[in-house]
Amino acid sequence: FNFICAQTAPSINPEAIIVKDNGEREHIESYQGSAPLTVEFKANSSQTLGWDAHYKWIFSEEGSNSPYLIRYEENTGYTFTKSG
């Protein structure tokens, strides 16, 4: 028996979207500004058929080695109440 089995690996293309006070959404690569700031985080996973996808978002303050928030959803959101 000769057969070929190819499997496509899953991928993600994470993005962050700022939610403005008026409800408008803006895609961002980076942000410098004041708080509060509401952001939606999307994993944008693809080719996950046959895979058990696990997600982990780690939020840390600038200069800190310890996270203050960890989320496990594919898509999540958070309102940052202080800068950094």
PDB file of N, CA and C in Angstrom:
ATOM      1  N   PHE A   1       0.843  -1.177   0.000  1.00  0.00           N
ATOM      2  CA  PHE A   1       0.000   0.000   0.000  1.00  0.00           C
ATOM      3  C   PHE A   1       0.885   1.235   0.000  1.00  0.00           C
ATOM      4  N   ASN A   2       0.612   2.092  -0.897  1.00  0.00           N
ATOM      5  CA  ASN A   2       1.253   3.401  -0.938  1.00  0.00           C
ATOM      6  C   ASN A   2       0.170   4.456  -0.816  1.00  0.00           C
ATOM      7  N   PHE A   3       0.336   5.356   0.101  1.00  0.00           N
ATOM      8  CA  PHE A   3      -0.606   6.458   0.212  1.00  0.00           C
ATOM      9  C   PHE A   3       0.125   7.682   0.743  1.00  0.00           C
ATOM     10  N   ILE A   4      -0.433   8.801   0.450  1.00  0.00           N
ATOM     11  CA  ILE A   4       0.127  10.077   0.892  1.00  0.00           C
ATOM     12  C   ILE A   4      -0.925  10.744   1.763  1.00  0.00           C
ATOM     13  N   CYS A   5      -0.479  11.222   2.891  1.00  0.00           N
ATOM     14  CA  CYS A   5      -1.381  11.912   3.812  1.00  0.00           C
ATOM     15  C   CYS A   5      -0.798  13.293   4.090  1.00  0.00           C
ATOM     16  N   ALA A   6      -1.524  14.289   3.725  1.00  0.00           N
ATOM     17  CA  ALA A   6      -1.080  15.658   3.995  1.00  0.00           C
ATOM     18  C   ALA A   6      -2.071  16.306   4.942  1.00  0.00           C
ATOM     19  N   GLN A   7      -1.549  17.023   5.874  1.00  0.00           N
ATOM     20  CA  GLN A   7      -2.411  17.700   6.828  1.00  0.00           C
ATOM     21  C   GLN A   7      -1.965  19.152   6.912  1.00  0.00           C
ATOM     22  N   THR A   8      -2.903  20.040   6.823  1.00  0.00           N
ATOM     23  CA  THR A   8      -2.598  21.449   6.915  1.00  0.00           C
ATOM     24  C   THR A   8      -2.606  21.857   8.382  1.00  0.00           C
ATOM     25  N   ALA A   9      -1.566  22.519   8.804  1.00  0.00           N
ATOM     26  CA  ALA A   9      -1.467  22.959  10.194  1.00  0.00           C
ATOM     27  C   ALA A   9      -2.381  24.163  10.430  1.00  0.00           C
ATOM     28  N   PRO A  10      -2.967  24.238  11.609  1.00  0.00           N
ATOM     29  CA  PRO A  10      -3.798  25.404  11.917  1.00  0.00           C
ATOM     30  C   PRO A  10      -2.931  26.660  12.022  1.00  0.00           C
ATOM     31  N   SER A  11      -3.567  27.791  11.853  1.00  0.00           N
ATOM     32  CA  SER A  11      -2.838  29.050  11.991  1.00  0.00           C
ATOM     33  C   SER A  11      -3.732  30.070  12.680  1.00  0.00           C
ATOM     34  N   ILE A  12      -3.109  31.103  13.202  1.00  0.00           N
ATOM     35  CA  ILE A  12      -3.846  32.215  13.792  1.00  0.00           C
ATOM     36  C   ILE A  12      -3.295  33.518  13.229  1.00  0.00           C
ATOM     37  N   ASN A  13      -4.131  34.519  13.231  1.00  0.00           N
ATOM     38  CA  ASN A  13      -3.747  35.855  12.804  1.00  0.00           C
ATOM     39  C   ASN A  13      -4.383  36.831  13.792  1.00  0.00           C
ATOM     40  N   PRO A  14      -3.806  36.930  15.005  1.00  0.00           N
ATOM     41  CA  PRO A  14      -4.455  37.727  16.049  1.00  0.00           C
ATOM     42  C   PRO A  14      -4.536  39.204  15.680  1.00  0.00           C
ATOM     43  N   GLU A  15      -5.611  39.828  16.148  1.00  0.00           N
ATOM     44  CA  GLU A  15      -5.780  41.261  15.925  1.00  0.00           C
ATOM     45  C   GLU A  15      -6.401  41.901  17.154  1.00  0.00           C
ATOM     46  N   ALA A  16      -6.137  43.185  17.296  1.00  0.00           N
ATOM     47  CA  ALA A  16      -6.721  43.976  18.375  1.00  0.00           C
ATOM     48  C   ALA A  16      -7.564  45.075  17.748  1.00  0.00           C
ATOM     49  N   ILE A  17      -8.730  45.297  18.326  1.00  0.00           N
ATOM     50  CA  ILE A  17      -9.660  46.292  17.807  1.00  0.00           C
ATOM     51  C   ILE A  17     -10.076  47.203  18.957  1.00  0.00           C
ATOM     52  N   ILE A  18      -9.792  48.487  18.827  1.00  0.00           N
ATOM     53  CA  ILE A  18     -10.230  49.468  19.827  1.00  0.00           C
ATOM     54  C   ILE A  18     -11.715  49.723  19.632  1.00  0.00           C
ATOM     55  N   VAL A  19     -12.455  49.734  20.734  1.00  0.00           N
ATOM     56  CA  VAL A  19     -13.867  50.082  20.706  1.00  0.00           C
ATOM     57  C   VAL A  19     -13.985  51.485  21.281  1.00  0.00           C
ATOM     58  N   LYS A  20     -14.333  52.434  20.428  1.00  0.00           N
ATOM     59  CA  LYS A  20     -14.434  53.834  20.852  1.00  0.00           C
ATOM     60  C   LYS A  20     -15.742  54.080  21.595  1.00  0.00           C
ATOM     61  N   ASP A  21     -15.823  55.202  22.299  1.00  0.00           N
ATOM     62  CA  ASP A  21     -17.012  55.549  23.080  1.00  0.00           C
ATOM     63  C   ASP A  21     -18.279  55.579  22.238  1.00  0.00           C
ATOM     64  N   ASN A  22     -18.168  55.955  20.968  1.00  0.00           N
ATOM     65  CA  ASN A  22     -19.339  56.036  20.096  1.00  0.00           C
ATOM     66  C   ASN A  22     -19.668  54.694  19.440  1.00  0.00           C
ATOM     67  N   GLY A  23     -18.938  53.629  19.812  1.00  0.00           N
ATOM     68  CA  GLY A  23     -19.195  52.298  19.284  1.00  0.00           C
ATOM     69  C   GLY A  23     -18.381  51.946  18.045  1.00  0.00           C
ATOM     70  N   GLU A  24     -17.700  52.939  17.462  1.00  0.00           N
ATOM     71  CA  GLU A  24     -16.857  52.653  16.303  1.00  0.00           C
ATOM     72  C   GLU A  24     -15.715  51.740  16.705  1.00  0.00           C
ATOM     73  N   ARG A  25     -15.262  50.926  15.746  1.00  0.00           N
ATOM     74  CA  ARG A  25     -14.159  49.999  15.996  1.00  0.00           C
ATOM     75  C   ARG A  25     -13.007  50.332  15.060  1.00  0.00           C
ATOM     76  N   GLU A  26     -11.789  50.276  15.596  1.00  0.00           N
ATOM     77  CA  GLU A  26     -10.591  50.608  14.823  1.00  0.00           C
ATOM     78  C   GLU A  26      -9.536  49.526  15.040  1.00  0.00           C
ATOM     79  N   HIS A  27      -9.085  48.900  13.967  1.00  0.00           N
ATOM     80  CA  HIS A  27      -8.029  47.892  14.052  1.00  0.00           C
ATOM     81  C   HIS A  27      -6.708  48.597  14.353  1.00  0.00           C
ATOM     82  N   ILE A  28      -5.907  48.019  15.255  1.00  0.00           N
ATOM     83  CA  ILE A  28      -4.645  48.646  15.634  1.00  0.00           C
ATOM     84  C   ILE A  28      -3.505  47.628  15.621  1.00  0.00           C
ATOM     85  N   GLU A  29      -2.317  48.118  15.378  1.00  0.00           N
ATOM     86  CA  GLU A  29      -1.095  47.320  15.516  1.00  0.00           C
ATOM     87  C   GLU A  29      -0.452  47.607  16.870  1.00  0.00           C
ATOM     88  N   SER A  30      -0.493  48.863  17.269  1.00  0.00           N
ATOM     89  CA  SER A  30       0.017  49.269  18.585  1.00  0.00           C
ATOM     90  C   SER A  30      -0.759  50.510  19.009  1.00  0.00           C
ATOM     91  N   TYR A  31      -0.636  50.839  20.283  1.00  0.00           N
ATOM     92  CA  TYR A  31      -1.397  51.979  20.807  1.00  0.00           C
ATOM     93  C   TYR A  31      -0.594  52.674  21.880  1.00  0.00           C
ATOM     94  N   GLN A  32      -0.576  53.987  21.814  1.00  0.00           N
ATOM     95  CA  GLN A  32      -0.030  54.810  22.889  1.00  0.00           C
ATOM     96  C   GLN A  32      -1.069  55.868  23.192  1.00  0.00           C
ATOM     97  N   GLY A  33      -1.506  55.914  24.409  1.00  0.00           N
ATOM     98  CA  GLY A  33      -2.526  56.870  24.778  1.00  0.00           C
ATOM     99  C   GLY A  33      -2.977  56.642  26.202  1.00  0.00           C
ATOM    100  N   SER A  34      -4.045  57.297  26.541  1.00  0.00           N
ATOM    101  CA  SER A  34      -4.524  57.250  27.919  1.00  0.00           C
ATOM    102  C   SER A  34      -5.596  56.187  28.096  1.00  0.00           C
ATOM    103  N   ALA A  35      -5.859  55.885  29.342  1.00  0.00           N
ATOM    104  CA  ALA A  35      -6.914  54.942  29.722  1.00  0.00           C
ATOM    105  C   ALA A  35      -8.118  55.758  30.167  1.00  0.00           C
ATOM    106  N   PRO A  36      -9.299  55.215  30.188  1.00  0.00           N
ATOM    107  CA  PRO A  36      -9.629  53.826  29.878  1.00  0.00           C
ATOM    108  C   PRO A  36      -9.634  53.572  28.372  1.00  0.00           C
ATOM    109  N   LEU A  37      -9.424  52.305  28.022  1.00  0.00           N
ATOM    110  CA  LEU A  37      -9.382  51.884  26.629  1.00  0.00           C
ATOM    111  C   LEU A  37      -9.989  50.489  26.539  1.00  0.00           C
ATOM    112  N   THR A  38     -11.042  50.347  25.757  1.00  0.00           N
ATOM    113  CA  THR A  38     -11.679  49.045  25.557  1.00  0.00           C
ATOM    114  C   THR A  38     -11.146  48.447  24.262  1.00  0.00           C
ATOM    115  N   VAL A  39     -10.696  47.196  24.362  1.00  0.00           N
ATOM    116  CA  VAL A  39     -10.111  46.516  23.204  1.00  0.00           C
ATOM    117  C   VAL A  39     -10.720  45.126  23.075  1.00  0.00           C
ATOM    118  N   GLU A  40     -11.049  44.748  21.849  1.00  0.00           N
ATOM    119  CA  GLU A  40     -11.460  43.388  21.531  1.00  0.00           C
ATOM    120  C   GLU A  40     -10.262  42.670  20.920  1.00  0.00           C
ATOM    121  N   PHE A  41     -10.014  41.448  21.349  1.00  0.00           N
ATOM    122  CA  PHE A  41      -8.913  40.645  20.824  1.00  0.00           C
ATOM    123  C   PHE A  41      -9.504  39.442  20.102  1.00  0.00           C
ATOM    124  N   LYS A  42      -9.095  39.242  18.859  1.00  0.00           N
ATOM    125  CA  LYS A  42      -9.614  38.134  18.055  1.00  0.00           C
ATOM    126  C   LYS A  42      -8.447  37.274  17.579  1.00  0.00           C
ATOM    127  N   ALA A  43      -8.574  35.959  17.753  1.00  0.00           N
ATOM    128  CA  ALA A  43      -7.513  35.038  17.341  1.00  0.00           C
ATOM    129  C   ALA A  43      -7.479  34.856  15.826  1.00  0.00           C
ATOM    130  N   ASN A  44      -8.637  34.918  15.169  1.00  0.00           N
ATOM    131  CA  ASN A  44      -8.730  34.683  13.726  1.00  0.00           C
ATOM    132  C   ASN A  44      -8.050  33.377  13.338  1.00  0.00           C
ATOM    133  N   SER A  45      -8.476  32.308  13.966  1.00  0.00           N
ATOM    134  CA  SER A  45      -7.888  31.000  13.675  1.00  0.00           C
ATOM    135  C   SER A  45      -8.454  30.451  12.374  1.00  0.00           C
ATOM    136  N   SER A  46      -7.651  29.638  11.708  1.00  0.00           N
ATOM    137  CA  SER A  46      -8.097  28.998  10.472  1.00  0.00           C
ATOM    138  C   SER A  46      -7.480  27.611  10.375  1.00  0.00           C
ATOM    139  N   GLN A  47      -8.084  26.779   9.564  1.00  0.00           N
ATOM    140  CA  GLN A  47      -7.613  25.423   9.308  1.00  0.00           C
ATOM    141  C   GLN A  47      -7.525  24.603  10.603  1.00  0.00           C
ATOM    142  N   THR A  48      -8.545  24.731  11.460  1.00  0.00           N
ATOM    143  CA  THR A  48      -8.534  24.038  12.751  1.00  0.00           C
ATOM    144  C   THR A  48      -9.324  22.731  12.733  1.00  0.00           C
ATOM    145  N   LEU A  49      -9.895  22.384  11.582  1.00  0.00           N
ATOM    146  CA  LEU A  49     -10.673  21.153  11.492  1.00  0.00           C
ATOM    147  C   LEU A  49      -9.797  19.948  11.845  1.00  0.00           C
ATOM    148  N   GLY A  50     -10.237  19.159  12.817  1.00  0.00           N
ATOM    149  CA  GLY A  50      -9.478  17.995  13.256  1.00  0.00           C
ATOM    150  C   GLY A  50      -8.464  18.304  14.357  1.00  0.00           C
ATOM    151  N   TRP A  51      -8.362  19.535  14.762  1.00  0.00           N
ATOM    152  CA  TRP A  51      -7.444  19.951  15.822  1.00  0.00           C
ATOM    153  C   TRP A  51      -8.246  20.397  17.036  1.00  0.00           C
ATOM    154  N   ASP A  52      -7.704  20.201  18.218  1.00  0.00           N
ATOM    155  CA  ASP A  52      -8.287  20.756  19.434  1.00  0.00           C
ATOM    156  C   ASP A  52      -7.584  22.078  19.711  1.00  0.00           C
ATOM    157  N   ALA A  53      -8.221  23.158  19.331  1.00  0.00           N
ATOM    158  CA  ALA A  53      -7.609  24.475  19.499  1.00  0.00           C
ATOM    159  C   ALA A  53      -7.709  24.923  20.957  1.00  0.00           C
ATOM    160  N   HIS A  54      -6.644  25.480  21.465  1.00  0.00           N
ATOM    161  CA  HIS A  54      -6.593  26.058  22.809  1.00  0.00           C
ATOM    162  C   HIS A  54      -6.046  27.474  22.662  1.00  0.00           C
ATOM    163  N   TYR A  55      -6.646  28.409  23.376  1.00  0.00           N
ATOM    164  CA  TYR A  55      -6.264  29.810  23.262  1.00  0.00           C
ATOM    165  C   TYR A  55      -5.834  30.324  24.630  1.00  0.00           C
ATOM    166  N   LYS A  56      -4.894  31.246  24.614  1.00  0.00           N
ATOM    167  CA  LYS A  56      -4.433  31.833  25.871  1.00  0.00           C
ATOM    168  C   LYS A  56      -3.961  33.259  25.598  1.00  0.00           C
ATOM    169  N   TRP A  57      -4.656  34.204  26.184  1.00  0.00           N
ATOM    170  CA  TRP A  57      -4.289  35.612  26.096  1.00  0.00           C
ATOM    171  C   TRP A  57      -3.670  36.001  27.442  1.00  0.00           C
ATOM    172  N   ILE A  58      -2.475  36.566  27.421  1.00  0.00           N
ATOM    173  CA  ILE A  58      -1.781  36.950  28.655  1.00  0.00           C
ATOM    174  C   ILE A  58      -1.601  38.463  28.657  1.00  0.00           C
ATOM    175  N   PHE A  59      -2.132  39.112  29.679  1.00  0.00           N
ATOM    176  CA  PHE A  59      -2.038  40.562  29.814  1.00  0.00           C
ATOM    177  C   PHE A  59      -1.078  40.895  30.951  1.00  0.00           C
ATOM    178  N   SER A  60      -0.077  41.708  30.650  1.00  0.00           N
ATOM    179  CA  SER A  60       0.927  42.123  31.640  1.00  0.00           C
ATOM    180  C   SER A  60       1.107  43.622  31.574  1.00  0.00           C
ATOM    181  N   GLU A  61       1.493  44.193  32.688  1.00  0.00           N
ATOM    182  CA  GLU A  61       1.828  45.613  32.707  1.00  0.00           C
ATOM    183  C   GLU A  61       3.251  45.796  32.227  1.00  0.00           C
ATOM    184  N   GLU A  62       3.499  46.906  31.579  1.00  0.00           N
ATOM    185  CA  GLU A  62       4.834  47.221  31.096  1.00  0.00           C
ATOM    186  C   GLU A  62       5.823  47.182  32.261  1.00  0.00           C
ATOM    187  N   GLY A  63       6.910  46.444  32.080  1.00  0.00           N
ATOM    188  CA  GLY A  63       7.933  46.335  33.111  1.00  0.00           C
ATOM    189  C   GLY A  63       7.696  45.243  34.133  1.00  0.00           C
ATOM    190  N   SER A  64       6.556  44.554  34.051  1.00  0.00           N
ATOM    191  CA  SER A  64       6.247  43.486  34.999  1.00  0.00           C
ATOM    192  C   SER A  64       6.462  42.127  34.344  1.00  0.00           C
ATOM    193  N   ASN A  65       6.963  41.189  35.115  1.00  0.00           N
ATOM    194  CA  ASN A  65       7.158  39.826  34.625  1.00  0.00           C
ATOM    195  C   ASN A  65       5.941  38.939  34.881  1.00  0.00           C
ATOM    196  N   SER A  66       5.011  39.418  35.686  1.00  0.00           N
ATOM    197  CA  SER A  66       3.841  38.618  36.057  1.00  0.00           C
ATOM    198  C   SER A  66       2.595  39.142  35.358  1.00  0.00           C
ATOM    199  N   PRO A  67       1.809  38.247  34.787  1.00  0.00           N
ATOM    200  CA  PRO A  67       0.547  38.703  34.185  1.00  0.00           C
ATOM    201  C   PRO A  67      -0.463  39.076  35.265  1.00  0.00           C
ATOM    202  N   TYR A  68      -1.324  40.047  34.958  1.00  0.00           N
ATOM    203  CA  TYR A  68      -2.408  40.382  35.873  1.00  0.00           C
ATOM    204  C   TYR A  68      -3.738  39.810  35.397  1.00  0.00           C
ATOM    205  N   LEU A  69      -3.748  39.280  34.163  1.00  0.00           N
ATOM    206  CA  LEU A  69      -4.976  38.701  33.642  1.00  0.00           C
ATOM    207  C   LEU A  69      -4.623  37.668  32.574  1.00  0.00           C
ATOM    208  N   ILE A  70      -5.267  36.510  32.632  1.00  0.00           N
ATOM    209  CA  ILE A  70      -5.104  35.475  31.620  1.00  0.00           C
ATOM    210  C   ILE A  70      -6.509  35.051  31.185  1.00  0.00           C
ATOM    211  N   ARG A  71      -6.733  35.004  29.881  1.00  0.00           N
ATOM    212  CA  ARG A  71      -8.020  34.590  29.336  1.00  0.00           C
ATOM    213  C   ARG A  71      -7.795  33.409  28.388  1.00  0.00           C
ATOM    214  N   TYR A  72      -8.777  32.523  28.296  1.00  0.00           N
ATOM    215  CA  TYR A  72      -8.633  31.304  27.501  1.00  0.00           C
ATOM    216  C   TYR A  72      -9.650  31.197  26.354  1.00  0.00           C
ATOM    217  N   GLU A  73     -10.366  32.251  26.060  1.00  0.00           N
ATOM    218  CA  GLU A  73     -11.344  32.222  24.978  1.00  0.00           C
ATOM    219  C   GLU A  73     -10.650  32.482  23.636  1.00  0.00           C
ATOM    220  N   GLU A  74     -11.296  32.037  22.569  1.00  0.00           N
ATOM    221  CA  GLU A  74     -10.772  32.317  21.222  1.00  0.00           C
ATOM    222  C   GLU A  74     -10.764  33.823  20.972  1.00  0.00           C
ATOM    223  N   ASN A  75     -11.824  34.493  21.375  1.00  0.00           N
ATOM    224  CA  ASN A  75     -11.941  35.944  21.253  1.00  0.00           C
ATOM    225  C   ASN A  75     -12.318  36.493  22.617  1.00  0.00           C
ATOM    226  N   THR A  76     -11.704  37.599  22.988  1.00  0.00           N
ATOM    227  CA  THR A  76     -11.966  38.166  24.306  1.00  0.00           C
ATOM    228  C   THR A  76     -11.874  39.681  24.221  1.00  0.00           C
ATOM    229  N   GLY A  77     -12.267  40.334  25.263  1.00  0.00           N
ATOM    230  CA  GLY A  77     -12.186  41.783  25.324  1.00  0.00           C
ATOM    231  C   GLY A  77     -11.808  42.221  26.724  1.00  0.00           C
ATOM    232  N   TYR A  78     -11.321  43.448  26.803  1.00  0.00           N
ATOM    233  CA  TYR A  78     -10.917  43.957  28.104  1.00  0.00           C
ATOM    234  C   TYR A  78     -10.924  45.486  28.062  1.00  0.00           C
ATOM    235  N   THR A  79     -11.290  46.108  29.164  1.00  0.00           N
ATOM    236  CA  THR A  79     -11.181  47.555  29.297  1.00  0.00           C
ATOM    237  C   THR A  79     -10.000  47.849  30.218  1.00  0.00           C
ATOM    238  N   PHE A  80      -8.981  48.444  29.653  1.00  0.00           N
ATOM    239  CA  PHE A  80      -7.788  48.821  30.422  1.00  0.00           C
ATOM    240  C   PHE A  80      -8.121  50.107  31.154  1.00  0.00           C
ATOM    241  N   THR A  81      -7.964  50.102  32.480  1.00  0.00           N
ATOM    242  CA  THR A  81      -8.346  51.245  33.297  1.00  0.00           C
ATOM    243  C   THR A  81      -7.171  52.123  33.693  1.00  0.00           C
ATOM    244  N   LYS A  82      -5.957  51.667  33.393  1.00  0.00           N
ATOM    245  CA  LYS A  82      -4.787  52.518  33.641  1.00  0.00           C
ATOM    246  C   LYS A  82      -3.763  52.292  32.546  1.00  0.00           C
ATOM    247  N   SER A  83      -2.954  53.274  32.299  1.00  0.00           N
ATOM    248  CA  SER A  83      -1.954  53.200  31.230  1.00  0.00           C
ATOM    249  C   SER A  83      -0.830  52.237  31.614  1.00  0.00           C
ATOM    250  N   GLY A  84      -0.157  51.737  30.616  1.00  0.00           N
ATOM    251  CA  GLY A  84       0.979  50.852  30.850  1.00  0.00           C
ATOM    252  C   GLY A  84       0.688  49.453  30.418  1.00  0.00           C
TER     253      GLY A  84
END
